[in-house]
Protein backbone atom coordinates (compact mmCIF):
# COMPACT_ATOMS: atom_id res chain seq x y z
CA MET A 1 0.06 -0.02 -0.09
CA ARG A 2 1.53 3.29 -1.14
CA VAL A 3 0.38 6.49 0.84
CA GLU A 4 1.14 10.00 -0.32
CA THR A 5 -0.03 13.51 0.48
CA SER A 6 -0.17 16.38 -1.89
CA LYS A 7 -1.88 19.63 -2.43
CA ALA A 8 -5.32 19.22 -4.06
CA GLY A 9 -6.18 20.53 -7.48
CA PRO A 10 -9.12 21.10 -9.64
CA ASP A 11 -9.25 17.50 -10.80
CA ASP A 12 -9.83 16.54 -7.17
CA LEU A 13 -13.03 18.42 -6.87
CA GLU A 14 -15.68 15.60 -7.46
CA ARG A 15 -13.94 13.17 -5.04
CA LEU A 16 -13.52 15.71 -2.33
CA ILE A 17 -17.34 16.57 -2.58
CA ASP A 18 -17.95 13.01 -2.33
CA ILE A 19 -15.90 12.59 0.75
CA PHE A 20 -17.42 15.74 2.58
CA SER A 21 -20.95 14.61 1.79
CA ASP A 22 -20.45 11.81 4.44
CA PRO A 23 -23.18 11.70 6.99
CA ASP A 24 -20.50 11.60 9.80
CA LEU A 25 -19.55 15.23 8.81
CA LYS A 26 -23.22 16.39 9.07
CA THR A 27 -23.15 18.06 5.84
CA SER A 28 -25.70 17.98 2.90
CA SER A 29 -24.35 17.49 -0.72
CA GLU A 30 -25.10 21.13 -1.49
CA GLU A 31 -23.09 22.18 1.77
CA ALA A 32 -20.09 19.94 0.73
CA GLN A 33 -20.13 21.34 -2.75
CA TRP A 34 -19.92 24.91 -1.21
CA PHE A 35 -17.38 23.98 1.31
CA VAL A 36 -15.02 22.19 -1.15
CA ARG A 37 -15.30 24.65 -3.72
CA CYS A 38 -14.65 27.65 -1.35
CA TYR A 39 -11.47 25.83 0.02
CA LEU A 40 -10.14 24.90 -3.42
CA GLU A 41 -10.50 28.44 -4.64
CA TYR A 42 -9.61 30.55 -1.65
CA HIS A 43 -7.75 28.28 1.06
CA HIS A 44 -5.66 25.28 1.20
CA VAL A 45 -6.46 21.54 0.67
CA ILE A 46 -4.04 18.60 1.38
CA VAL A 47 -5.26 15.19 0.05
CA GLY A 48 -4.05 11.76 1.15
CA ARG A 49 -3.79 9.19 -1.64
CA VAL A 50 -3.64 5.34 -1.10
CA ASP A 51 -2.39 3.70 -4.15
CA GLY A 52 -3.20 6.78 -6.27
CA GLU A 53 -6.81 7.25 -5.02
CA ILE A 54 -7.96 10.04 -2.66
CA GLN A 55 -8.92 8.38 0.83
CA GLY A 56 -8.54 11.46 2.95
CA ALA A 57 -8.10 15.16 3.03
CA CYS A 58 -7.30 18.23 5.36
CA PHE A 59 -8.53 21.61 4.74
CA TRP A 60 -6.83 24.60 6.32
CA ARG A 61 -7.01 28.51 5.86
CA VAL A 62 -5.14 31.49 7.07
CA GLU A 63 -6.69 32.71 10.35
CA GLY A 64 -6.80 36.70 10.72
CA GLU A 65 -4.19 38.71 8.97
CA ARG A 66 -1.10 36.94 7.63
CA TYR A 67 1.26 38.72 9.99
CA CYS A 68 -0.42 36.77 12.71
CA GLY A 69 1.01 33.57 11.58
CA LEU A 70 -2.01 31.45 12.30
CA GLY A 71 -3.34 28.42 10.37
CA TRP A 72 -6.76 27.25 11.10
CA ILE A 73 -7.24 23.35 10.40
CA GLU A 74 -10.90 23.40 9.43
CA ASN A 75 -11.53 19.85 8.63
CA ILE A 76 -9.67 16.42 8.44
CA TRP A 77 -11.17 13.42 7.37
CA VAL A 78 -10.21 9.86 6.22
CA GLU A 79 -12.31 7.05 4.72
CA GLU A 80 -13.18 4.64 7.46
CA ARG A 81 -11.33 1.54 6.00
CA TYR A 82 -8.12 3.73 5.98
CA ARG A 83 -8.29 4.92 9.57
CA ARG A 84 -5.71 4.02 12.10
CA LEU A 85 -3.17 3.32 9.34
CA GLY A 86 -1.17 6.60 9.58
CA LEU A 87 -2.94 8.54 6.84
CA ALA A 88 -4.50 11.08 9.15
CA GLU A 89 -1.23 11.73 10.91
CA LYS A 90 0.54 12.19 7.50
CA LEU A 91 -2.23 14.72 6.45
CA LEU A 92 -1.90 16.71 9.66
CA ARG A 93 1.92 16.75 9.46
CA ARG A 94 1.83 17.80 5.76
CA SER A 95 -0.67 20.45 6.51
CA ALA A 96 1.45 21.93 9.38
CA GLU A 97 4.33 21.94 6.80
CA ASP A 98 2.15 23.63 4.33
CA ILE A 99 1.26 26.26 6.71
CA ARG A 100 4.96 26.96 7.54
CA THR A 101 5.77 27.03 3.81
CA PHE A 102 2.89 29.40 2.94
CA TYR A 103 3.84 31.97 5.53
CA GLU A 104 7.64 31.74 4.68
CA GLU A 105 6.92 32.38 0.95
CA ASN A 106 4.74 35.35 1.92
CA GLY A 107 7.47 36.89 4.20
CA PHE A 108 5.89 35.93 7.63
CA LYS A 109 6.59 33.51 10.28
CA ALA A 110 4.18 30.76 10.95
CA ARG A 111 3.36 30.71 14.72
CA LYS A 112 0.56 28.15 15.34
CA ALA A 113 -1.94 25.72 13.70
CA ILE A 114 -5.22 25.59 15.45
CA LEU A 115 -8.11 23.09 15.34
CA THR A 116 -11.20 22.11 17.32
CA THR A 117 -12.83 18.83 18.05
CA GLN A 118 -15.58 17.36 19.99
CA VAL A 119 -15.02 16.34 23.54
CA ASP A 120 -16.17 12.74 22.73
CA ARG A 121 -13.83 12.12 19.77
CA ALA A 122 -11.12 10.34 21.81
CA ALA A 123 -9.35 8.86 18.91
CA ALA A 124 -9.09 12.20 17.14
CA ARG A 125 -7.67 13.72 20.42
CA ARG A 126 -5.02 11.12 20.63
CA LEU A 127 -3.97 11.76 17.06
CA TYR A 128 -3.75 15.45 17.60
CA GLU A 129 -1.60 14.99 20.73
CA LYS A 130 0.57 12.54 18.92
CA VAL A 131 1.34 15.09 16.27
CA GLY A 132 2.20 17.79 19.01
CA PHE A 133 -1.14 19.72 19.45
CA ARG A 134 -2.08 20.47 23.03
CA CYS A 135 -5.49 21.15 24.35
CA ALA A 136 -5.57 24.84 25.03
CA ALA A 137 -9.40 25.46 25.91
CA GLU A 138 -12.86 24.06 26.17
CA LEU A 139 -15.34 26.05 24.16
CA GLU A 140 -18.95 25.76 25.11
CA ASP A 141 -21.66 25.77 22.23
CA LEU A 142 -19.07 26.68 19.56
CA TYR A 143 -20.99 24.67 16.83
CA GLY A 144 -24.15 23.94 18.52
CA PRO A 145 -25.95 24.12 21.85
CA GLY A 146 -24.85 21.63 24.45
CA GLU A 147 -21.85 20.56 22.39
CA PRO A 148 -18.64 21.57 23.89
CA ASP A 149 -15.58 21.60 21.68
CA LEU A 150 -11.89 21.54 22.48
CA LEU A 151 -9.50 23.94 20.93
CA TYR A 152 -6.03 22.25 20.12
CA VAL A 153 -2.89 24.35 19.30
CA LEU A 154 0.29 23.32 17.68
CA ASN A 155 3.34 25.67 18.04
CA LEU A 156 4.94 25.87 14.58
């Protein structure tokens, strides 16, 4: 099994929409289309390929002004059958490197990568901590009432 990560391109659009239409992500097909098109056009997408086929992706964006040096990892997702094989870790590490490169190429220093996750997602939390993220805060009702989220930060 060959696992690779790379920046997404226009040819990846349909597969990414398919991935982000997954019920686990709580998005409709229309919402997935908007989200993917927005990120491909204005932000950053890293894809994970297994034997040449996209089986996961990580979306990130610049948070605030560029001089702040913050990258917000909006979403990371891996097809269920490829979970716990290291693909998500590769996507996160590649995204952190992409954040560093983006800021460097634009004359700024990358400072932190930030993401949120639900309290009950223990496997995701272990992954983030393995990559070097630390839990910095618990946020009440961030994405919905009664759904606390955890804010994770990685120093770059």
